[in-house]
N, C-alpha and C. Protein backbone atom coordinates (compact mmCIF):
# COMPACT_ATOMS: atom_id res chain seq x y z
N MET A 1 33.58 101.56 3.67
CA MET A 1 33.70 101.00 5.00
C MET A 1 32.34 101.00 5.66
N THR A 2 32.10 100.01 6.45
CA THR A 2 30.81 99.94 7.10
C THR A 2 30.91 100.43 8.53
N ASP A 3 29.76 100.74 9.12
CA ASP A 3 29.76 101.19 10.50
C ASP A 3 30.28 100.11 11.44
N ALA A 4 30.16 98.84 11.06
CA ALA A 4 30.65 97.76 11.91
C ALA A 4 32.13 97.94 12.20
N ALA A 5 32.87 98.53 11.28
CA ALA A 5 34.29 98.75 11.48
C ALA A 5 34.55 99.82 12.54
N TRP A 6 33.51 100.56 12.93
CA TRP A 6 33.70 101.68 13.87
C TRP A 6 33.15 101.40 15.25
N GLU A 7 32.63 100.22 15.47
CA GLU A 7 31.96 99.98 16.73
C GLU A 7 32.85 100.17 17.94
N GLU A 8 34.08 99.67 17.90
CA GLU A 8 34.94 99.80 19.06
C GLU A 8 36.35 100.17 18.65
N PRO A 9 36.59 101.44 18.33
CA PRO A 9 37.95 101.84 18.00
C PRO A 9 38.85 101.61 19.22
N VAL A 10 40.08 101.24 18.95
CA VAL A 10 41.01 101.06 20.05
C VAL A 10 41.92 102.27 20.09
N GLY A 11 42.32 102.64 21.26
CA GLY A 11 43.19 103.80 21.38
C GLY A 11 43.22 104.30 22.80
N LYS A 12 43.71 105.50 22.97
CA LYS A 12 43.88 106.09 24.30
C LYS A 12 42.72 107.00 24.66
N LYS A 13 41.51 106.49 24.51
CA LYS A 13 40.36 107.29 24.90
C LYS A 13 40.39 107.40 26.42
N THR A 14 40.55 108.61 26.92
CA THR A 14 40.69 108.77 28.35
C THR A 14 39.69 109.75 28.94
N GLN A 15 39.03 110.51 28.09
CA GLN A 15 38.11 111.52 28.59
C GLN A 15 36.74 111.32 27.99
N ARG A 16 35.75 111.73 28.72
CA ARG A 16 34.41 111.79 28.17
C ARG A 16 34.35 113.03 27.28
N ALA A 17 33.63 112.95 26.20
CA ALA A 17 33.46 114.10 25.33
C ALA A 17 32.56 115.11 26.04
N SER A 18 32.86 116.38 25.84
CA SER A 18 32.06 117.42 26.48
C SER A 18 31.26 118.18 25.44
N ALA A 19 30.27 118.92 25.93
CA ALA A 19 29.43 119.72 25.04
C ALA A 19 30.24 120.89 24.50
N THR A 20 30.14 121.10 23.20
CA THR A 20 30.79 122.22 22.52
C THR A 20 29.77 122.79 21.54
N PRO A 21 30.03 123.95 20.95
CA PRO A 21 29.11 124.43 19.92
C PRO A 21 28.90 123.40 18.80
N ALA A 22 29.93 122.63 18.48
CA ALA A 22 29.82 121.61 17.43
C ALA A 22 28.85 120.50 17.84
N THR A 23 29.01 119.96 19.04
CA THR A 23 28.12 118.87 19.46
C THR A 23 26.70 119.38 19.70
N LEU A 24 26.58 120.61 20.18
CA LEU A 24 25.25 121.18 20.37
C LEU A 24 24.54 121.37 19.02
N ALA A 25 25.29 121.78 17.99
CA ALA A 25 24.70 121.93 16.65
C ALA A 25 24.22 120.57 16.14
N LEU A 26 24.99 119.53 16.37
CA LEU A 26 24.59 118.19 15.94
C LEU A 26 23.33 117.73 16.68
N GLU A 27 23.29 117.97 17.98
CA GLU A 27 22.13 117.58 18.78
C GLU A 27 20.88 118.34 18.33
N ARG A 28 21.01 119.66 18.14
CA ARG A 28 19.87 120.47 17.70
C ARG A 28 19.33 119.99 16.35
N ALA A 29 20.22 119.56 15.48
CA ALA A 29 19.82 119.10 14.14
C ALA A 29 19.28 117.67 14.16
N GLY A 30 19.44 116.98 15.28
CA GLY A 30 18.97 115.61 15.37
C GLY A 30 19.80 114.62 14.57
N VAL A 31 21.07 114.98 14.36
CA VAL A 31 21.97 114.13 13.57
C VAL A 31 22.62 113.09 14.48
N GLN A 32 22.65 111.86 14.00
CA GLN A 32 23.31 110.80 14.74
C GLN A 32 24.83 111.00 14.63
N PHE A 33 25.51 111.00 15.78
CA PHE A 33 26.96 111.17 15.78
C PHE A 33 27.55 110.46 16.97
N GLU A 34 28.85 110.27 16.90
CA GLU A 34 29.60 109.65 17.99
C GLU A 34 30.64 110.65 18.45
N ALA A 35 30.60 111.03 19.72
CA ALA A 35 31.60 111.94 20.28
C ALA A 35 32.66 111.12 21.00
N MET A 36 33.91 111.41 20.70
CA MET A 36 35.01 110.65 21.30
C MET A 36 36.06 111.61 21.84
N GLY A 37 36.41 111.43 23.10
CA GLY A 37 37.43 112.26 23.71
C GLY A 37 38.70 111.48 23.93
N TYR A 38 39.80 112.20 23.97
CA TYR A 38 41.10 111.60 24.25
C TYR A 38 41.97 112.65 24.93
N GLU A 39 43.03 112.20 25.56
CA GLU A 39 43.92 113.13 26.25
C GLU A 39 44.87 113.77 25.25
N HIS A 40 44.70 115.07 25.02
CA HIS A 40 45.55 115.81 24.09
C HIS A 40 46.89 116.10 24.75
N ASP A 41 47.96 115.84 24.04
CA ASP A 41 49.31 116.17 24.50
C ASP A 41 49.61 117.60 24.05
N PRO A 42 49.79 118.55 24.98
CA PRO A 42 50.00 119.95 24.60
C PRO A 42 51.27 120.19 23.77
N ARG A 43 52.18 119.23 23.72
CA ARG A 43 53.40 119.38 22.90
C ARG A 43 53.14 119.07 21.44
N VAL A 44 52.02 118.42 21.14
CA VAL A 44 51.70 117.99 19.78
C VAL A 44 51.02 119.12 19.01
N THR A 45 51.49 119.34 17.77
CA THR A 45 50.85 120.34 16.91
C THR A 45 50.23 119.70 15.66
N ALA A 46 50.46 118.41 15.46
CA ALA A 46 49.81 117.68 14.36
C ALA A 46 48.53 117.10 14.96
N TYR A 47 47.56 117.98 15.19
CA TYR A 47 46.36 117.65 15.95
C TYR A 47 45.56 116.50 15.34
N GLY A 48 45.35 116.53 14.05
CA GLY A 48 44.56 115.49 13.40
C GLY A 48 45.22 114.12 13.47
N ARG A 49 46.50 114.09 13.23
CA ARG A 49 47.22 112.81 13.32
C ARG A 49 47.19 112.29 14.76
N GLU A 50 47.31 113.20 15.72
CA GLU A 50 47.22 112.79 17.12
C GLU A 50 45.86 112.16 17.40
N ALA A 51 44.79 112.78 16.89
CA ALA A 51 43.43 112.26 17.11
C ALA A 51 43.30 110.86 16.52
N ALA A 52 43.75 110.67 15.29
CA ALA A 52 43.65 109.36 14.65
C ALA A 52 44.38 108.30 15.48
N GLU A 53 45.57 108.62 15.90
CA GLU A 53 46.36 107.66 16.67
C GLU A 53 45.72 107.39 18.04
N ALA A 54 45.35 108.45 18.75
CA ALA A 54 44.80 108.29 20.10
C ALA A 54 43.47 107.54 20.09
N LEU A 55 42.69 107.73 19.03
CA LEU A 55 41.39 107.08 18.96
C LEU A 55 41.44 105.74 18.23
N GLY A 56 42.61 105.38 17.69
CA GLY A 56 42.75 104.11 17.00
C GLY A 56 41.97 104.05 15.71
N LEU A 57 41.89 105.20 15.02
CA LEU A 57 41.13 105.28 13.77
C LEU A 57 42.08 105.39 12.58
N PRO A 58 41.68 104.83 11.42
CA PRO A 58 42.51 104.97 10.22
C PRO A 58 42.62 106.45 9.84
N PRO A 59 43.81 106.95 9.52
CA PRO A 59 43.99 108.37 9.19
C PRO A 59 43.14 108.84 8.01
N GLN A 60 42.78 107.95 7.09
CA GLN A 60 41.97 108.37 5.95
C GLN A 60 40.52 108.66 6.35
N CYS A 61 40.14 108.33 7.59
CA CYS A 61 38.78 108.58 8.06
C CYS A 61 38.70 109.77 9.01
N VAL A 62 39.86 110.29 9.40
CA VAL A 62 39.92 111.43 10.31
C VAL A 62 40.30 112.65 9.48
N PHE A 63 39.54 113.72 9.61
CA PHE A 63 39.70 114.90 8.77
C PHE A 63 40.06 116.12 9.60
N LYS A 64 40.90 116.98 9.02
CA LYS A 64 41.24 118.24 9.66
C LYS A 64 40.43 119.35 9.01
N THR A 65 40.17 120.37 9.78
CA THR A 65 39.40 121.52 9.33
C THR A 65 40.34 122.70 9.21
N LEU A 66 40.47 123.24 8.01
CA LEU A 66 41.35 124.36 7.75
C LEU A 66 40.54 125.56 7.29
N VAL A 67 40.89 126.74 7.78
CA VAL A 67 40.24 127.97 7.32
C VAL A 67 41.19 128.65 6.35
N VAL A 68 40.64 129.06 5.21
CA VAL A 68 41.45 129.72 4.19
C VAL A 68 40.90 131.12 3.92
N GLN A 69 41.79 131.96 3.43
CA GLN A 69 41.40 133.29 2.97
C GLN A 69 41.60 133.31 1.47
N THR A 70 40.61 133.82 0.74
CA THR A 70 40.70 133.83 -0.72
C THR A 70 41.17 135.20 -1.22
N ASP A 71 41.48 135.25 -2.50
CA ASP A 71 41.94 136.50 -3.11
C ASP A 71 40.83 137.56 -3.15
N HIS A 72 39.61 137.18 -2.86
CA HIS A 72 38.50 138.13 -2.81
C HIS A 72 38.30 138.67 -1.39
N ASP A 73 39.29 138.44 -0.52
CA ASP A 73 39.21 138.80 0.91
C ASP A 73 38.06 138.10 1.62
N GLY A 74 37.66 136.98 1.08
CA GLY A 74 36.66 136.16 1.74
C GLY A 74 37.35 135.01 2.46
N PHE A 75 36.58 134.29 3.22
CA PHE A 75 37.11 133.15 3.96
C PHE A 75 36.28 131.93 3.65
N GLY A 76 36.88 130.78 3.82
CA GLY A 76 36.18 129.52 3.61
C GLY A 76 36.81 128.44 4.46
N VAL A 77 36.18 127.29 4.47
CA VAL A 77 36.64 126.15 5.25
C VAL A 77 36.86 124.99 4.30
N CYS A 78 37.96 124.27 4.51
CA CYS A 78 38.16 123.03 3.77
C CYS A 78 38.40 121.91 4.78
N VAL A 79 37.87 120.75 4.46
CA VAL A 79 37.93 119.58 5.33
C VAL A 79 38.63 118.48 4.54
N VAL A 80 39.84 118.11 4.99
CA VAL A 80 40.66 117.14 4.26
C VAL A 80 41.19 116.07 5.23
N PRO A 81 41.49 114.87 4.71
CA PRO A 81 42.03 113.82 5.57
C PRO A 81 43.34 114.27 6.24
N VAL A 82 43.54 113.84 7.47
CA VAL A 82 44.72 114.26 8.22
C VAL A 82 46.02 113.74 7.60
N ALA A 83 45.94 112.68 6.82
CA ALA A 83 47.13 112.12 6.20
C ALA A 83 47.50 112.85 4.91
N GLN A 84 46.71 113.83 4.51
CA GLN A 84 46.96 114.56 3.27
C GLN A 84 47.01 116.06 3.55
N SER A 85 47.33 116.81 2.50
CA SER A 85 47.35 118.26 2.56
C SER A 85 46.23 118.81 1.70
N ALA A 86 45.87 120.06 1.95
CA ALA A 86 44.88 120.72 1.11
C ALA A 86 45.58 121.27 -0.13
N ASP A 87 45.02 121.02 -1.29
CA ASP A 87 45.48 121.63 -2.54
C ASP A 87 44.80 122.99 -2.59
N LEU A 88 45.53 124.04 -2.22
CA LEU A 88 44.92 125.36 -2.09
C LEU A 88 44.38 125.91 -3.40
N LYS A 89 44.97 125.52 -4.52
CA LYS A 89 44.41 125.94 -5.81
C LYS A 89 43.04 125.31 -6.02
N ALA A 90 42.92 124.03 -5.71
CA ALA A 90 41.64 123.33 -5.85
C ALA A 90 40.61 123.88 -4.86
N VAL A 91 41.05 124.21 -3.66
CA VAL A 91 40.15 124.81 -2.67
C VAL A 91 39.63 126.14 -3.19
N ALA A 92 40.53 126.97 -3.73
CA ALA A 92 40.13 128.28 -4.26
C ALA A 92 39.08 128.10 -5.35
N VAL A 93 39.32 127.19 -6.28
CA VAL A 93 38.36 126.96 -7.36
C VAL A 93 37.00 126.53 -6.80
N ALA A 94 37.03 125.62 -5.83
CA ALA A 94 35.78 125.13 -5.24
C ALA A 94 35.02 126.25 -4.53
N LEU A 95 35.76 127.27 -4.05
CA LEU A 95 35.13 128.40 -3.37
C LEU A 95 34.83 129.56 -4.33
N GLY A 96 35.11 129.36 -5.61
CA GLY A 96 34.82 130.40 -6.60
C GLY A 96 35.85 131.51 -6.63
N ALA A 97 37.09 131.20 -6.24
CA ALA A 97 38.16 132.19 -6.22
C ALA A 97 39.32 131.70 -7.09
N LYS A 98 40.31 132.56 -7.28
CA LYS A 98 41.50 132.17 -8.04
C LYS A 98 42.61 131.68 -7.14
N LYS A 99 42.71 132.26 -5.95
CA LYS A 99 43.76 131.89 -5.01
C LYS A 99 43.19 131.75 -3.61
N ALA A 100 43.87 130.91 -2.83
CA ALA A 100 43.53 130.76 -1.41
C ALA A 100 44.82 130.49 -0.65
N ARG A 101 44.84 130.95 0.57
CA ARG A 101 45.97 130.68 1.48
C ARG A 101 45.39 130.39 2.85
N LEU A 102 46.17 129.71 3.68
CA LEU A 102 45.70 129.44 5.03
C LEU A 102 45.50 130.77 5.76
N ALA A 103 44.42 130.88 6.47
CA ALA A 103 44.11 132.10 7.21
C ALA A 103 45.01 132.24 8.43
N ASP A 104 45.21 133.45 8.83
CA ASP A 104 45.98 133.77 10.03
C ASP A 104 45.29 133.14 11.25
N PRO A 105 46.05 132.54 12.18
CA PRO A 105 45.44 131.89 13.35
C PRO A 105 44.49 132.80 14.14
N GLY A 106 44.82 134.08 14.24
CA GLY A 106 43.93 135.00 14.94
C GLY A 106 42.60 135.16 14.24
N GLU A 107 42.65 135.21 12.90
CA GLU A 107 41.42 135.29 12.10
C GLU A 107 40.60 134.01 12.26
N VAL A 108 41.29 132.88 12.27
CA VAL A 108 40.61 131.59 12.43
C VAL A 108 39.81 131.59 13.72
N GLN A 109 40.45 131.99 14.81
CA GLN A 109 39.77 131.99 16.10
C GLN A 109 38.62 133.01 16.12
N ARG A 110 38.85 134.17 15.55
CA ARG A 110 37.81 135.21 15.53
C ARG A 110 36.59 134.75 14.74
N LEU A 111 36.83 134.14 13.58
CA LEU A 111 35.73 133.71 12.71
C LEU A 111 34.99 132.48 13.22
N THR A 112 35.74 131.52 13.76
CA THR A 112 35.13 130.24 14.12
C THR A 112 34.75 130.15 15.60
N GLY A 113 35.47 130.87 16.44
CA GLY A 113 35.26 130.72 17.88
C GLY A 113 36.05 129.57 18.46
N TYR A 114 36.88 128.93 17.64
CA TYR A 114 37.66 127.78 18.07
C TYR A 114 39.16 128.09 17.98
N VAL A 115 39.96 127.42 18.83
CA VAL A 115 41.41 127.55 18.76
C VAL A 115 41.94 126.52 17.76
N LEU A 116 43.12 126.80 17.20
CA LEU A 116 43.75 125.84 16.28
C LEU A 116 43.87 124.49 16.98
N GLY A 117 43.60 123.45 16.24
CA GLY A 117 43.63 122.11 16.80
C GLY A 117 42.27 121.69 17.34
N GLY A 118 41.37 122.64 17.46
CA GLY A 118 40.02 122.35 17.92
C GLY A 118 38.97 122.94 17.00
N VAL A 119 39.39 123.35 15.80
CA VAL A 119 38.46 123.97 14.85
C VAL A 119 37.58 122.88 14.24
N SER A 120 36.30 123.03 14.45
CA SER A 120 35.32 122.10 13.88
C SER A 120 34.62 122.79 12.72
N PRO A 121 34.21 122.02 11.72
CA PRO A 121 33.42 122.62 10.65
C PRO A 121 31.99 122.93 11.12
N LEU A 122 31.64 122.45 12.29
CA LEU A 122 30.29 122.61 12.84
C LEU A 122 30.28 123.64 13.97
N GLY A 123 29.18 124.36 14.09
CA GLY A 123 29.00 125.26 15.22
C GLY A 123 29.92 126.46 15.23
N GLN A 124 30.38 126.89 14.08
CA GLN A 124 31.29 128.03 14.02
C GLN A 124 30.55 129.33 14.29
N ARG A 125 31.27 130.28 14.84
CA ARG A 125 30.70 131.60 15.14
C ARG A 125 30.15 132.26 13.87
N THR A 126 30.92 132.18 12.79
CA THR A 126 30.52 132.74 11.50
C THR A 126 30.43 131.58 10.52
N ARG A 127 29.27 131.41 9.90
CA ARG A 127 29.13 130.31 8.93
C ARG A 127 29.90 130.68 7.67
N LEU A 128 30.85 129.84 7.32
CA LEU A 128 31.72 130.07 6.17
C LEU A 128 31.44 129.03 5.09
N PRO A 129 31.63 129.41 3.81
CA PRO A 129 31.50 128.42 2.75
C PRO A 129 32.46 127.26 3.03
N THR A 130 31.99 126.05 2.84
CA THR A 130 32.75 124.87 3.22
C THR A 130 32.87 123.89 2.06
N VAL A 131 34.07 123.30 1.94
CA VAL A 131 34.35 122.28 0.93
C VAL A 131 34.91 121.05 1.66
N ILE A 132 34.35 119.91 1.37
CA ILE A 132 34.82 118.64 1.95
C ILE A 132 35.47 117.84 0.84
N ASP A 133 36.63 117.25 1.14
CA ASP A 133 37.30 116.45 0.13
C ASP A 133 36.40 115.32 -0.34
N ASP A 134 36.38 115.14 -1.65
CA ASP A 134 35.54 114.15 -2.32
C ASP A 134 35.71 112.74 -1.76
N GLY A 135 36.89 112.42 -1.28
CA GLY A 135 37.15 111.08 -0.75
C GLY A 135 36.24 110.72 0.42
N ALA A 136 35.71 111.70 1.11
CA ALA A 136 34.83 111.43 2.26
C ALA A 136 33.55 110.72 1.83
N ARG A 137 33.13 110.94 0.60
CA ARG A 137 31.88 110.31 0.13
C ARG A 137 31.93 108.80 0.17
N ARG A 138 33.13 108.22 0.10
CA ARG A 138 33.26 106.76 0.11
C ARG A 138 33.12 106.18 1.51
N LEU A 139 33.08 107.02 2.52
CA LEU A 139 33.03 106.56 3.90
C LEU A 139 31.60 106.54 4.43
N ASP A 140 31.33 105.60 5.31
CA ASP A 140 30.06 105.61 6.03
C ASP A 140 30.11 106.64 7.15
N ARG A 141 31.31 106.78 7.73
CA ARG A 141 31.48 107.71 8.84
C ARG A 141 32.85 108.35 8.72
N MET A 142 32.88 109.65 8.97
CA MET A 142 34.13 110.41 8.99
C MET A 142 34.23 111.08 10.35
N TYR A 143 35.45 111.40 10.75
CA TYR A 143 35.67 112.04 12.04
C TYR A 143 36.28 113.42 11.83
N VAL A 144 35.72 114.40 12.51
CA VAL A 144 36.21 115.78 12.47
C VAL A 144 36.31 116.27 13.90
N SER A 145 36.98 117.40 14.09
CA SER A 145 37.10 117.96 15.42
C SER A 145 35.73 118.21 16.01
N GLY A 146 35.61 117.91 17.28
CA GLY A 146 34.37 118.13 17.99
C GLY A 146 34.30 119.50 18.64
N GLY A 147 35.27 120.37 18.35
CA GLY A 147 35.21 121.73 18.86
C GLY A 147 36.18 122.06 19.97
N ARG A 148 37.06 121.13 20.26
CA ARG A 148 38.14 121.41 21.21
C ARG A 148 39.24 120.38 20.98
N ARG A 149 40.45 120.73 21.38
CA ARG A 149 41.55 119.77 21.28
C ARG A 149 41.22 118.59 22.18
N GLY A 150 41.38 117.40 21.64
CA GLY A 150 41.10 116.20 22.43
C GLY A 150 39.68 115.68 22.26
N GLN A 151 38.96 116.17 21.26
CA GLN A 151 37.62 115.67 21.02
C GLN A 151 37.32 115.63 19.53
N ASP A 152 36.82 114.51 19.06
CA ASP A 152 36.38 114.36 17.68
C ASP A 152 34.95 113.85 17.68
N VAL A 153 34.27 114.08 16.58
CA VAL A 153 32.93 113.52 16.40
C VAL A 153 32.91 112.74 15.09
N GLY A 154 32.24 111.62 15.11
CA GLY A 154 32.07 110.81 13.92
C GLY A 154 30.64 110.95 13.42
N LEU A 155 30.51 111.15 12.12
CA LEU A 155 29.18 111.30 11.52
C LEU A 155 29.25 110.96 10.05
N ALA A 156 28.10 110.81 9.45
CA ALA A 156 28.03 110.51 8.03
C ALA A 156 28.46 111.74 7.23
N PRO A 157 29.29 111.58 6.20
CA PRO A 157 29.72 112.72 5.38
C PRO A 157 28.56 113.55 4.84
N ARG A 158 27.49 112.89 4.43
CA ARG A 158 26.34 113.63 3.89
C ARG A 158 25.70 114.52 4.96
N ASP A 159 25.71 114.06 6.22
CA ASP A 159 25.18 114.88 7.31
C ASP A 159 26.04 116.11 7.54
N LEU A 160 27.37 115.92 7.49
CA LEU A 160 28.27 117.06 7.65
C LEU A 160 28.05 118.07 6.53
N ALA A 161 27.93 117.58 5.30
CA ALA A 161 27.72 118.47 4.16
C ALA A 161 26.40 119.22 4.30
N GLU A 162 25.37 118.53 4.72
CA GLU A 162 24.06 119.17 4.85
C GLU A 162 24.08 120.24 5.94
N LEU A 163 24.68 119.94 7.08
CA LEU A 163 24.69 120.89 8.20
C LEU A 163 25.55 122.13 7.92
N THR A 164 26.59 121.96 7.13
CA THR A 164 27.49 123.09 6.87
C THR A 164 27.21 123.75 5.52
N GLY A 165 26.32 123.19 4.73
CA GLY A 165 26.08 123.71 3.40
C GLY A 165 27.26 123.48 2.48
N ALA A 166 28.04 122.44 2.78
CA ALA A 166 29.28 122.17 2.05
C ALA A 166 29.04 121.54 0.69
N VAL A 167 30.06 121.68 -0.14
CA VAL A 167 30.13 120.96 -1.42
C VAL A 167 31.29 119.98 -1.30
N PHE A 168 31.24 118.94 -2.11
CA PHE A 168 32.34 117.98 -2.18
C PHE A 168 33.17 118.31 -3.41
N ALA A 169 34.50 118.27 -3.26
CA ALA A 169 35.40 118.50 -4.39
C ALA A 169 36.73 117.80 -4.09
N ALA A 170 37.47 117.52 -5.14
CA ALA A 170 38.80 116.90 -4.99
C ALA A 170 39.78 117.97 -4.55
N ILE A 171 39.96 118.12 -3.24
CA ILE A 171 40.80 119.21 -2.71
C ILE A 171 42.01 118.71 -1.91
N ALA A 172 42.16 117.39 -1.79
CA ALA A 172 43.30 116.86 -1.03
C ALA A 172 44.37 116.37 -1.98
N ARG A 173 45.61 116.42 -1.52
CA ARG A 173 46.72 115.86 -2.30
C ARG A 173 47.67 115.14 -1.38
């Protein structure tokens, strides 16, 4: 997909994007990005799907950020399209472990500094090993949480990988 397809997404953009640790990290790094805000419905728990719909973006271009705990008592981050699930076995392998499970919400907030639904792979309190689904490489721009519910940022997948020290692997199903 080309950037021309992203010039004017249609949707319920109602808020200006605000500064978060994620957007500040992007600015400090000098990475080109697009911050997009929308009105989050507090009744919604499918945060990524809500973002795609509200911003008028194809779900395969909007990614959710999940924190996992491995069998080595370590933690990691996986970034997968909102229309898919994380293959936790594949995530574990990509992180050099045998098993992985979704981390407890309290641990997620403690490690990242973000609440569920607003967890960004960028600007986390503790830098965690990160894996991005291989499918992102085919995109010119991908969207991830901007660090709060109701905000996403669009950037080149290679920029996200570079800033987070991420690897690409087939981790979505």
